[in-house]
Amino acid sequence: MTKEQEFFAYLKEIALLNEANGLLEWDSQTGMPQAGAANRAEVSSYISGLAFEKKVNQTMADFLAYFEKNEAELSELGTEVVKKVKEEYELNHNIPTERFQKLMKATSQAHSDWLKARENNQFSDFQPILEEIVALLKEFIPLWKKDEKTPYDVLLNQYEPEMTTEILDQVFGQVRDGIIELRKTIAEKGTKPRTDFVHRHVSKEQQRSFVTQVVTQLGYDFDRGRLDDTVHPFMLDLNRNDARITTRWNEEDVAMATFGVIHEAGHGMYEQNIAEKYDYTPLGGGTSMGIHESQSLFNEIIIGSSKAFWKKQYPLLQKITAGTFADIDFETFYKGLKETKASLIRIEADSLTYPIHIIIRYEIEKMLFNGTIEVKDLPQIWNDKYEEYLGIRPENDLEGVLQDVHWSGGSFGYFPSYALGYMYAAQLRHAMNQDIDIEKIVASNDYSPIRKWLTKNIHQYGASRKPNQLIKDATGEALNPQYLLDYMKKIYFDVYNISE
């Protein structure tokens, strides 16, 4: 073996441990008995600790030191991989393995505590373990910190490299103000669509039949994926040949699971189309959560909000639901599907108000880690912000602070990725339309040109390029939130019959 081959074999060991732990996580959220949570936390934290220790131990340090002196021995791929491994090593080597294992054990247990709190509709059942997670993250932040300006910037950087709160404050402000203005125009000039049919009963089996056909057409490969039930939808990328998606069903709301599965399938399609050469390396996954969300939201919003897409798919839905919507013409159905209104639950929000839900979470996370509030304050702050931004107030913790799974996994800094993904997706749409006619394609029987464009410009690169570079290369410019606002205006002015 050459030194590079030894290095790649070592990285494969880490990847295999992570894959095993991912499978345990998938099971814990889709089928594990609730009583098994404490035992699962033990084994998950143990395997996580093994993988973490391999990333930061003396063996890894020796590999990096060797390649620093003998860079000429590296292939082009080896150079890319060493650069990424070095970044991860420098980020994490100051974290003691036992403290990292403690965090992993806490997050594994937290999922069970979160489910219990949801069952009891009581944040206090979740508060102790969340306080432990936040305390551990605050302990790690000084060890992770490089030149970030605030503690929250440190967390943000782990999900969206080179992104800062200074940038987000500016772009989120522009998006927030633009959405508020659009909602005001809709309220003053719009004609409300008919929506009484939206909550007609559609069985889980009918919904599943419809949406699996749709995402297959979009390019999600069920030979390399699967769809399971869970409380909170997610995608799990074990490897590019096993990218699993989950959803939750509501037989009185066909839109929720339909858009949810289309969303998660976008994540899965990203992972399924990363170049094979990156297998078992840290480059074999998405480059950032913002770019990942751009792919899921491109599926859900750019395609899923398209009138041409639904004109193509509505007859299939009518056929599968056996007369449920036989009396509803396409125009009425589409406009009812795209109604916008203030709502409390993020994953059920319409595409216009959705970014507001993210901005609320972003502002709360900043307050929590930059020192102005404590975990016990979260329900009150949450409710106040919903009242301030959307004019509605949660009546309980279940429809308020307990609705998202992310904090139980310690994923603070993740939420901004959703709004960034929205902006990236709209910008990618603008660029893609210069090369291919998106509306024409989604009205056709072959969606593959869209998936192929995204694979060429985004998917294939895995984590080998930073998000800002990917977006600049794909669109010719840096992040520009105006594309999102323009797209939302186009969609909702049509739905609400507002002329320019």
Protein backbone atom coordinates (compact mmCIF):
# COMPACT_ATOMS: atom_id res chain seq x y z
CA MET A 1 0.00 0.00 0.00
CA THR A 2 1.08 3.56 -0.67
CA LYS A 3 0.67 6.08 2.12
CA GLU A 4 -2.33 7.54 0.30
CA GLN A 5 -3.95 4.11 0.07
CA GLU A 6 -3.36 3.59 3.80
CA PHE A 7 -4.96 6.97 4.45
CA PHE A 8 -8.03 6.14 2.36
CA ALA A 9 -8.39 2.77 4.11
CA TYR A 10 -8.30 4.57 7.47
CA LEU A 11 -10.97 7.03 6.31
CA LYS A 12 -13.12 4.12 5.20
CA GLU A 13 -13.05 2.73 8.76
CA ILE A 14 -14.42 6.06 10.00
CA ALA A 15 -17.08 6.12 7.28
CA LEU A 16 -18.20 2.58 8.15
CA LEU A 17 -18.56 3.49 11.83
CA ASN A 18 -20.59 6.56 10.89
CA GLU A 19 -22.77 4.46 8.61
CA ALA A 20 -23.45 1.95 11.37
CA ASN A 21 -24.38 4.74 13.73
CA GLY A 22 -26.61 6.30 11.08
CA LEU A 23 -28.51 3.05 10.76
CA LEU A 24 -29.01 2.99 14.54
CA GLU A 25 -30.33 6.58 14.36
CA TRP A 26 -32.72 5.71 11.52
CA ASP A 27 -34.05 2.80 13.55
CA SER A 28 -34.46 4.93 16.67
CA GLN A 29 -36.69 7.35 14.77
CA THR A 30 -38.69 4.84 12.73
CA GLY A 31 -39.18 1.63 14.70
CA MET A 32 -37.29 1.34 17.98
CA PRO A 33 -39.44 0.72 21.09
CA GLN A 34 -39.45 3.87 23.22
CA ALA A 35 -38.23 1.89 26.24
CA GLY A 36 -35.02 1.15 24.34
CA ALA A 37 -33.93 4.78 24.25
CA ALA A 38 -31.43 4.66 27.12
CA ASN A 39 -29.76 1.50 25.78
CA ARG A 40 -29.64 2.95 22.28
CA ALA A 41 -28.03 6.10 23.65
CA GLU A 42 -25.27 3.95 25.13
CA VAL A 43 -24.40 2.14 21.91
CA SER A 44 -24.80 5.24 19.71
CA SER A 45 -22.50 7.30 21.89
CA TYR A 46 -19.96 4.46 21.99
CA ILE A 47 -19.82 4.11 18.18
CA SER A 48 -19.81 7.90 17.73
CA GLY A 49 -16.91 8.09 20.14
CA LEU A 50 -14.94 5.48 18.20
CA ALA A 51 -15.42 7.40 14.94
CA PHE A 52 -14.62 10.74 16.58
CA GLU A 53 -11.48 9.39 18.23
CA LYS A 54 -10.22 8.13 14.88
CA LYS A 55 -10.73 11.60 13.38
CA VAL A 56 -8.61 13.38 15.99
CA ASN A 57 -6.12 10.81 17.31
CA GLN A 58 -2.36 10.60 16.81
CA THR A 59 -2.76 8.35 13.77
CA MET A 60 -4.73 11.07 11.99
CA ALA A 61 -2.25 13.71 13.12
CA ASP A 62 0.58 11.60 11.71
CA PHE A 63 -1.16 11.20 8.35
CA LEU A 64 -1.70 14.95 8.06
CA ALA A 65 1.87 15.73 9.09
CA TYR A 66 3.21 13.25 6.53
CA PHE A 67 1.17 14.70 3.65
CA GLU A 68 2.10 18.23 4.61
CA LYS A 69 5.74 17.28 3.96
CA ASN A 70 5.06 14.92 1.04
CA GLU A 71 2.26 16.63 -0.85
CA ALA A 72 3.67 15.44 -4.18
CA GLU A 73 2.70 11.87 -3.30
CA LEU A 74 -0.99 12.78 -3.32
CA SER A 75 -3.28 12.30 -6.31
CA GLU A 76 -5.68 15.10 -7.25
CA LEU A 77 -8.42 13.33 -5.28
CA GLY A 78 -6.06 12.77 -2.36
CA THR A 79 -5.25 16.49 -2.25
CA GLU A 80 -8.96 17.35 -2.11
CA VAL A 81 -9.62 14.80 0.64
CA VAL A 82 -6.62 15.78 2.78
CA LYS A 83 -7.74 19.41 2.67
CA LYS A 84 -11.20 18.48 3.98
CA VAL A 85 -9.85 16.08 6.63
CA LYS A 86 -7.46 18.75 7.86
CA GLU A 87 -10.34 21.20 8.25
CA GLU A 88 -12.28 18.68 10.33
CA TYR A 89 -9.21 17.77 12.39
CA GLU A 90 -8.43 21.40 13.19
CA LEU A 91 -12.05 21.96 14.15
CA ASN A 92 -12.39 19.00 16.50
CA HIS A 93 -9.00 17.84 17.80
CA ASN A 94 -9.27 20.05 20.91
CA ILE A 95 -12.54 18.37 21.96
CA PRO A 96 -11.87 15.53 24.45
CA THR A 97 -13.35 12.28 23.15
CA GLU A 98 -15.17 11.60 26.43
CA ARG A 99 -16.89 15.03 26.25
CA PHE A 100 -17.93 14.37 22.65
CA GLN A 101 -19.34 10.98 23.72
CA LYS A 102 -21.25 12.75 26.47
CA LEU A 103 -22.83 15.04 23.88
CA MET A 104 -23.71 12.09 21.64
CA LYS A 105 -25.28 10.23 24.55
CA ALA A 106 -27.26 13.32 25.51
CA THR A 107 -28.57 13.87 21.98
CA SER A 108 -29.55 10.24 21.62
CA GLN A 109 -31.46 10.36 24.93
CA ALA A 110 -32.90 13.76 24.03
CA HIS A 111 -34.89 12.36 21.13
CA SER A 112 -36.80 10.09 23.50
CA ASP A 113 -37.29 12.96 25.98
CA TRP A 114 -38.54 15.17 23.15
CA LEU A 115 -41.09 12.53 22.12
CA LYS A 116 -42.24 12.22 25.75
CA ALA A 117 -42.54 16.00 26.07
CA ARG A 118 -44.62 16.10 22.88
CA GLU A 119 -46.82 13.32 24.23
CA ASN A 120 -47.38 15.25 27.45
CA ASN A 121 -47.46 18.63 25.70
CA GLN A 122 -44.99 19.89 28.28
CA PHE A 123 -41.66 21.58 27.58
CA SER A 124 -40.49 20.92 31.16
CA ASP A 125 -40.10 17.21 30.26
CA PHE A 126 -37.55 18.19 27.60
CA GLN A 127 -35.89 21.14 29.37
CA PRO A 128 -33.29 19.27 31.52
CA ILE A 129 -31.69 17.32 28.64
CA LEU A 130 -31.82 20.38 26.39
CA GLU A 131 -30.01 22.39 29.06
CA GLU A 132 -27.32 19.70 29.15
CA ILE A 133 -26.91 19.82 25.34
CA VAL A 134 -26.70 23.63 25.29
CA ALA A 135 -24.18 23.62 28.13
CA LEU A 136 -21.98 21.13 26.27
CA LEU A 137 -22.14 23.16 23.06
CA LYS A 138 -21.19 26.30 24.99
CA GLU A 139 -18.27 24.34 26.43
CA PHE A 140 -17.15 23.34 22.92
CA ILE A 141 -17.57 26.74 21.23
CA PRO A 142 -14.27 28.22 22.52
CA LEU A 143 -12.51 25.02 21.35
CA TRP A 144 -14.10 25.25 17.90
CA LYS A 145 -13.63 29.01 17.54
CA LYS A 146 -11.26 30.42 14.93
CA ASP A 147 -11.94 34.00 13.91
CA GLU A 148 -15.74 34.05 14.20
CA LYS A 149 -17.16 37.19 15.80
CA THR A 150 -19.83 35.62 18.06
CA PRO A 151 -20.47 32.22 19.69
CA TYR A 152 -23.44 31.67 17.38
CA ASP A 153 -21.24 32.32 14.33
CA VAL A 154 -19.15 29.33 15.43
CA LEU A 155 -22.21 27.05 15.35
CA LEU A 156 -23.50 28.54 12.11
CA ASN A 157 -20.16 27.88 10.41
CA GLN A 158 -20.48 24.15 11.05
CA TYR A 159 -23.59 23.95 8.88
CA GLU A 160 -22.87 26.70 6.36
CA PRO A 161 -19.12 27.30 6.00
CA GLU A 162 -18.07 30.96 5.74
CA MET A 163 -21.60 32.21 6.56
CA THR A 164 -21.94 34.83 9.32
CA THR A 165 -24.71 36.41 11.35
CA GLU A 166 -23.72 39.74 9.79
CA ILE A 167 -24.61 38.40 6.32
CA LEU A 168 -27.74 36.63 7.58
CA ASP A 169 -29.04 39.68 9.40
CA GLN A 170 -28.89 41.57 6.11
CA VAL A 171 -30.39 38.94 3.77
CA PHE A 172 -32.98 37.76 6.30
CA GLY A 173 -34.00 41.37 6.86
CA GLN A 174 -34.51 41.80 3.12
CA VAL A 175 -36.51 38.56 2.86
CA ARG A 176 -38.59 39.30 5.97
CA ASP A 177 -39.50 42.81 4.79
CA GLY A 178 -40.23 41.57 1.28
CA ILE A 179 -42.55 38.83 2.53
CA ILE A 180 -44.35 41.21 4.86
CA GLU A 181 -44.92 43.57 1.92
CA LEU A 182 -46.18 40.72 -0.28
CA ARG A 183 -48.57 39.55 2.42
CA LYS A 184 -49.87 43.09 2.82
CA THR A 185 -50.51 43.38 -0.94
CA ILE A 186 -52.27 39.99 -0.98
CA ALA A 187 -54.48 41.01 1.97
CA GLU A 188 -55.42 44.31 0.32
CA LYS A 189 -55.81 43.30 -3.34
CA GLY A 190 -56.00 39.51 -3.50
CA THR A 191 -58.94 37.22 -4.16
CA LYS A 192 -58.82 34.37 -1.66
CA PRO A 193 -58.82 30.95 -3.35
CA ARG A 194 -61.37 28.30 -2.53
CA THR A 195 -59.91 25.82 -0.02
CA ASP A 196 -62.85 23.84 1.41
CA PHE A 197 -61.76 20.73 -0.53
CA VAL A 198 -58.11 20.72 0.62
CA HIS A 199 -58.83 18.68 3.75
CA ARG A 200 -60.90 15.97 2.15
CA HIS A 201 -60.00 12.48 3.33
CA VAL A 202 -57.24 10.79 1.34
CA SER A 203 -55.98 7.51 2.79
CA LYS A 204 -52.34 6.99 3.66
CA GLU A 205 -52.15 4.26 1.01
CA GLN A 206 -53.49 6.59 -1.68
CA GLN A 207 -51.12 9.38 -0.66
CA ARG A 208 -48.17 7.00 -0.65
CA SER A 209 -49.06 5.64 -4.09
CA PHE A 210 -49.29 9.15 -5.53
CA VAL A 211 -46.19 10.66 -4.01
CA THR A 212 -43.90 7.69 -4.66
CA GLN A 213 -44.79 7.88 -8.34
CA VAL A 214 -44.16 11.63 -8.36
CA VAL A 215 -40.73 11.51 -6.70
CA THR A 216 -39.70 8.62 -8.92
CA GLN A 217 -40.48 10.83 -11.92
CA LEU A 218 -38.45 13.62 -10.31
CA GLY A 219 -35.43 11.32 -10.11
CA TYR A 220 -35.40 9.74 -6.64
CA ASP A 221 -34.18 6.15 -7.03
CA PHE A 222 -36.09 3.71 -4.80
CA ASP A 223 -33.56 1.00 -5.64
CA ARG A 224 -31.14 3.14 -3.60
CA GLY A 225 -33.62 4.53 -1.10
CA ARG A 226 -36.81 3.84 0.81
CA LEU A 227 -39.71 5.69 2.43
CA ASP A 228 -40.59 5.13 6.09
CA ASP A 229 -42.87 6.70 8.69
CA THR A 230 -41.63 8.94 11.49
CA VAL A 231 -42.74 11.75 13.80
CA HIS A 232 -40.54 14.36 12.12
CA PRO A 233 -39.56 13.87 8.45
CA PHE A 234 -35.86 13.54 7.56
CA MET A 235 -33.45 12.05 5.03
CA LEU A 236 -30.60 9.78 6.11
CA ASP A 237 -27.59 9.39 3.82
CA LEU A 238 -25.88 6.17 4.77
CA ASN A 239 -24.09 6.27 1.42
CA ARG A 240 -24.96 7.23 -2.17
CA ASN A 241 -26.57 3.81 -2.65
CA ASP A 242 -28.67 4.05 0.51
CA ALA A 243 -30.27 7.48 0.96
CA ARG A 244 -33.47 6.94 2.95
CA ILE A 245 -36.39 9.31 3.39
CA THR A 246 -39.21 9.47 5.93
CA THR A 247 -42.47 11.34 6.32
CA ARG A 248 -45.51 11.65 8.53
CA TRP A 249 -49.03 11.28 7.14
CA ASN A 250 -52.29 13.12 7.76
CA GLU A 251 -55.27 11.61 5.98
CA GLU A 252 -57.12 14.94 6.23
CA ASP A 253 -54.26 16.93 4.68
CA VAL A 254 -52.92 15.46 1.45
CA ALA A 255 -50.57 18.41 0.91
CA MET A 256 -48.46 17.86 4.05
CA ALA A 257 -46.99 14.45 3.22
CA THR A 258 -46.99 15.14 -0.53
CA PHE A 259 -44.78 18.19 -0.22
CA GLY A 260 -42.86 16.58 2.67
CA VAL A 261 -41.85 13.54 0.61
CA ILE A 262 -41.02 15.69 -2.43
CA HIS A 263 -38.80 17.76 -0.10
CA GLU A 264 -36.97 14.80 1.46
CA ALA A 265 -36.56 13.17 -1.97
CA GLY A 266 -34.64 16.28 -3.05
CA HIS A 267 -32.17 15.61 -0.23
CA GLY A 268 -31.96 11.98 -1.29
CA MET A 269 -31.38 12.82 -4.96
CA TYR A 270 -28.45 15.03 -3.95
CA GLU A 271 -26.79 12.18 -2.07
CA GLN A 272 -27.58 9.56 -4.73
CA ASN A 273 -25.82 11.61 -7.42
CA ILE A 274 -22.54 12.50 -5.70
CA ALA A 275 -19.53 11.27 -7.69
CA GLU A 276 -18.48 7.70 -6.87
CA LYS A 277 -14.85 8.74 -6.38
CA TYR A 278 -15.78 10.40 -3.06
CA ASP A 279 -17.13 7.18 -1.49
CA TYR A 280 -15.96 6.57 2.10
CA THR A 281 -14.37 10.02 2.38
CA PRO A 282 -15.57 13.22 4.06
CA LEU A 283 -16.30 14.57 0.56
CA GLY A 284 -18.95 11.90 -0.02
CA GLY A 285 -21.85 14.01 1.28
CA GLY A 286 -23.44 17.40 0.77
CA THR A 287 -21.21 20.43 1.15
CA SER A 288 -23.47 22.33 3.55
CA MET A 289 -26.96 22.22 4.94
CA GLY A 290 -27.88 25.35 2.97
CA ILE A 291 -26.95 23.67 -0.30
CA HIS A 292 -28.69 20.49 0.85
CA GLU A 293 -31.84 22.48 1.58
CA SER A 294 -31.56 24.17 -1.80
CA GLN A 295 -31.96 20.75 -3.40
CA SER A 296 -34.93 19.68 -1.27
CA LEU A 297 -36.58 23.08 -1.67
CA PHE A 298 -35.94 23.13 -5.40
CA ASN A 299 -38.01 19.94 -5.52
CA GLU A 300 -40.67 21.20 -3.11
CA ILE A 301 -40.96 24.88 -4.01
CA ILE A 302 -39.54 25.52 -7.46
CA ILE A 303 -41.08 22.39 -8.97
CA GLY A 304 -43.81 21.82 -6.38
CA SER A 305 -45.10 25.40 -6.67
CA SER A 306 -45.16 25.24 -10.45
CA LYS A 307 -48.58 25.35 -12.08
CA ALA A 308 -47.22 23.32 -15.00
CA PHE A 309 -46.09 20.60 -12.57
CA TRP A 310 -49.50 20.28 -10.93
CA LYS A 311 -51.32 20.42 -14.25
CA LYS A 312 -49.31 17.33 -15.18
CA GLN A 313 -49.76 15.55 -11.83
CA TYR A 314 -53.35 16.44 -10.90
CA PRO A 315 -54.95 13.82 -13.18
CA LEU A 316 -52.80 11.15 -11.49
CA LEU A 317 -53.96 12.34 -8.05
CA GLN A 318 -57.60 12.32 -9.21
CA LYS A 319 -57.19 8.79 -10.54
CA ILE A 320 -55.54 7.42 -7.39
CA THR A 321 -58.04 9.10 -5.05
CA ALA A 322 -60.93 7.54 -6.99
CA GLY A 323 -63.27 10.50 -7.31
CA THR A 324 -62.33 12.45 -4.15
CA PHE A 325 -61.50 15.53 -6.24
CA ALA A 326 -63.63 14.74 -9.30
CA ASP A 327 -65.72 17.91 -8.84
CA ILE A 328 -62.66 20.20 -8.45
CA ASP A 329 -61.18 21.61 -11.64
CA PHE A 330 -57.43 22.02 -11.94
CA GLU A 331 -57.31 25.81 -11.55
CA THR A 332 -59.36 25.65 -8.34
CA PHE A 333 -57.27 22.79 -6.97
CA TYR A 334 -53.92 24.46 -7.70
CA LYS A 335 -54.90 27.81 -6.21
CA GLY A 336 -56.37 26.16 -3.11
CA LEU A 337 -53.19 24.16 -2.68
CA LYS A 338 -51.13 27.38 -2.73
CA GLU A 339 -53.18 29.41 -0.25
CA THR A 340 -51.04 31.51 2.09
CA LYS A 341 -51.97 32.21 5.69
CA ALA A 342 -50.27 32.60 9.04
CA SER A 343 -49.78 29.23 10.74
CA LEU A 344 -48.01 27.84 13.79
CA ILE A 345 -46.37 24.64 12.49
CA ARG A 346 -43.25 25.11 10.36
CA ILE A 347 -43.48 21.95 8.26
CA GLU A 348 -47.13 22.71 7.47
CA ALA A 349 -46.47 26.34 6.51
CA ASP A 350 -47.11 27.61 2.99
CA SER A 351 -44.12 28.55 0.88
CA LEU A 352 -44.58 32.31 1.30
CA THR A 353 -44.66 32.40 5.11
CA TYR A 354 -42.16 29.54 5.62
CA PRO A 355 -39.04 31.77 5.73
CA ILE A 356 -40.62 33.72 8.63
CA HIS A 357 -40.69 30.50 10.67
CA ILE A 358 -36.96 30.11 10.03
CA ILE A 359 -36.13 33.71 10.87
CA ILE A 360 -37.91 33.28 14.22
CA ARG A 361 -35.78 30.25 15.07
CA TYR A 362 -32.60 32.01 13.91
CA GLU A 363 -33.27 34.96 16.18
CA ILE A 364 -34.02 32.70 19.16
CA GLU A 365 -30.84 30.64 18.65
CA LYS A 366 -28.75 33.81 18.43
CA MET A 367 -30.24 35.03 21.71
CA LEU A 368 -29.60 31.67 23.40
CA PHE A 369 -25.93 31.40 22.45
CA ASN A 370 -24.96 35.03 22.44
CA GLY A 371 -26.01 35.28 26.05
CA THR A 372 -29.34 37.05 26.44
CA ILE A 373 -31.77 34.18 27.27
CA GLU A 374 -31.70 30.73 28.91
CA VAL A 375 -33.30 27.43 27.94
CA LYS A 376 -36.16 27.95 30.40
CA ASP A 377 -37.11 31.13 28.54
CA LEU A 378 -37.60 29.41 25.16
CA PRO A 379 -41.38 28.78 25.25
CA GLN A 380 -42.17 32.40 26.17
CA ILE A 381 -39.75 33.91 23.63
CA TRP A 382 -41.04 31.52 20.95
CA ASN A 383 -44.67 32.49 21.54
CA ASP A 384 -43.87 36.21 21.64
CA LYS A 385 -42.06 36.08 18.30
CA TYR A 386 -44.88 34.21 16.57
CA GLU A 387 -47.29 36.86 17.77
CA GLU A 388 -44.94 39.64 16.63
CA TYR A 389 -44.15 38.29 13.14
CA LEU A 390 -47.23 36.28 12.16
CA GLY A 391 -49.94 37.71 14.40
CA ILE A 392 -50.77 34.32 15.96
CA ARG A 393 -49.77 32.83 19.30
CA PRO A 394 -49.27 29.14 20.18
CA GLU A 395 -51.71 27.93 22.80
CA ASN A 396 -49.42 25.14 24.01
CA ASP A 397 -45.87 23.78 23.75
CA LEU A 398 -46.77 21.14 21.15
CA GLU A 399 -47.75 23.74 18.55
CA GLY A 400 -44.95 25.97 19.80
CA VAL A 401 -41.44 25.22 20.99
CA LEU A 402 -41.72 21.40 20.89
CA GLN A 403 -42.59 21.07 17.19
CA ASP A 404 -39.06 20.59 15.78
CA VAL A 405 -36.69 17.67 16.36
CA HIS A 406 -33.49 19.62 15.58
CA TRP A 407 -32.58 20.89 19.05
CA SER A 408 -32.82 17.38 20.50
CA GLY A 409 -29.97 16.49 18.12
CA GLY A 410 -27.90 19.49 19.20
CA SER A 411 -28.37 21.04 15.74
CA PHE A 412 -28.16 24.68 16.75
CA GLY A 413 -27.10 26.75 13.76
CA TYR A 414 -28.95 24.44 11.35
CA PHE A 415 -32.24 26.32 10.95
CA PRO A 416 -30.82 29.23 8.88
CA SER A 417 -29.96 26.61 6.24
CA TYR A 418 -33.65 26.29 5.35
CA ALA A 419 -34.01 29.95 4.46
CA LEU A 420 -30.63 29.95 2.71
CA GLY A 421 -31.81 26.90 0.79
CA TYR A 422 -34.89 28.84 -0.33
CA MET A 423 -32.72 31.65 -1.64
CA TYR A 424 -30.22 29.32 -3.30
CA ALA A 425 -33.06 27.34 -4.94
CA ALA A 426 -34.65 30.45 -6.46
CA GLN A 427 -31.26 31.63 -7.70
CA LEU A 428 -30.54 28.20 -9.22
CA ARG A 429 -33.93 28.31 -10.94
CA HIS A 430 -33.02 31.62 -12.57
CA ALA A 431 -29.70 30.22 -13.79
CA MET A 432 -31.20 26.92 -14.95
CA ASN A 433 -33.81 28.76 -17.01
CA GLN A 434 -31.00 30.28 -19.06
CA ASP A 435 -30.07 26.75 -20.20
CA ILE A 436 -33.36 24.82 -20.23
CA ASP A 437 -37.09 25.68 -20.11
CA ILE A 438 -38.13 24.49 -16.65
CA GLU A 439 -41.87 25.05 -17.13
CA LYS A 440 -41.84 23.12 -20.40
CA ILE A 441 -39.96 20.23 -18.80
CA VAL A 442 -42.25 19.91 -15.75
CA ALA A 443 -45.21 19.83 -18.13
CA SER A 444 -43.61 16.95 -20.04
CA ASN A 445 -43.17 13.22 -19.38
CA ASP A 446 -39.42 13.53 -18.81
CA TYR A 447 -38.08 15.53 -15.84
CA SER A 448 -34.53 14.22 -16.23
CA PRO A 449 -33.02 17.42 -17.77
CA ILE A 450 -33.67 19.20 -14.44
CA ARG A 451 -32.01 16.49 -12.37
CA LYS A 452 -29.10 16.27 -14.80
CA TRP A 453 -28.53 20.05 -14.63
CA LEU A 454 -28.48 19.92 -10.84
CA THR A 455 -26.14 16.92 -10.84
CA LYS A 456 -23.78 18.69 -13.24
CA ASN A 457 -23.72 21.93 -11.24
CA ILE A 458 -24.31 20.79 -7.63
CA HIS A 459 -24.69 17.08 -6.84
CA GLN A 460 -21.55 15.57 -8.33
CA TYR A 461 -19.17 17.72 -6.30
CA GLY A 462 -20.22 16.39 -2.90
CA ALA A 463 -18.39 18.39 -0.25
CA SER A 464 -15.40 19.18 -2.46
CA ARG A 465 -16.50 22.78 -3.04
CA LYS A 466 -17.66 25.37 -0.49
CA PRO A 467 -21.30 26.53 -0.82
CA ASN A 468 -20.44 30.07 -1.87
CA GLN A 469 -18.18 28.70 -4.64
CA LEU A 470 -20.86 26.26 -5.84
CA ILE A 471 -23.49 28.97 -6.07
CA LYS A 472 -21.11 31.39 -7.79
CA ASP A 473 -20.02 28.71 -10.29
CA ALA A 474 -23.60 27.57 -10.98
CA THR A 475 -25.28 30.99 -11.22
CA GLY A 476 -22.50 33.47 -11.96
CA GLU A 477 -23.12 35.55 -8.84
CA ALA A 478 -23.05 35.44 -5.05
CA LEU A 479 -26.15 34.84 -2.93
CA ASN A 480 -28.97 37.18 -4.02
CA PRO A 481 -32.26 36.97 -2.05
CA GLN A 482 -34.17 39.03 -4.62
CA TYR A 483 -34.68 35.95 -6.81
CA LEU A 484 -36.71 34.34 -4.03
CA LEU A 485 -38.90 37.39 -3.53
CA ASP A 486 -39.48 37.71 -7.28
CA TYR A 487 -40.45 34.04 -7.52
CA MET A 488 -42.84 34.24 -4.56
CA LYS A 489 -44.46 37.32 -6.11
CA LYS A 490 -44.92 35.48 -9.42
CA ILE A 491 -46.54 32.47 -7.74
CA TYR A 492 -48.81 34.28 -5.31
CA PHE A 493 -49.93 37.11 -7.56
CA ASP A 494 -51.18 34.38 -9.90
CA VAL A 495 -52.88 32.42 -7.11
CA TYR A 496 -54.57 35.55 -5.71
CA ASN A 497 -55.42 37.10 -9.11
CA ILE A 498 -53.34 40.23 -8.59
CA SER A 499 -52.15 42.04 -11.69
CA GLU A 500 -48.83 43.93 -11.69
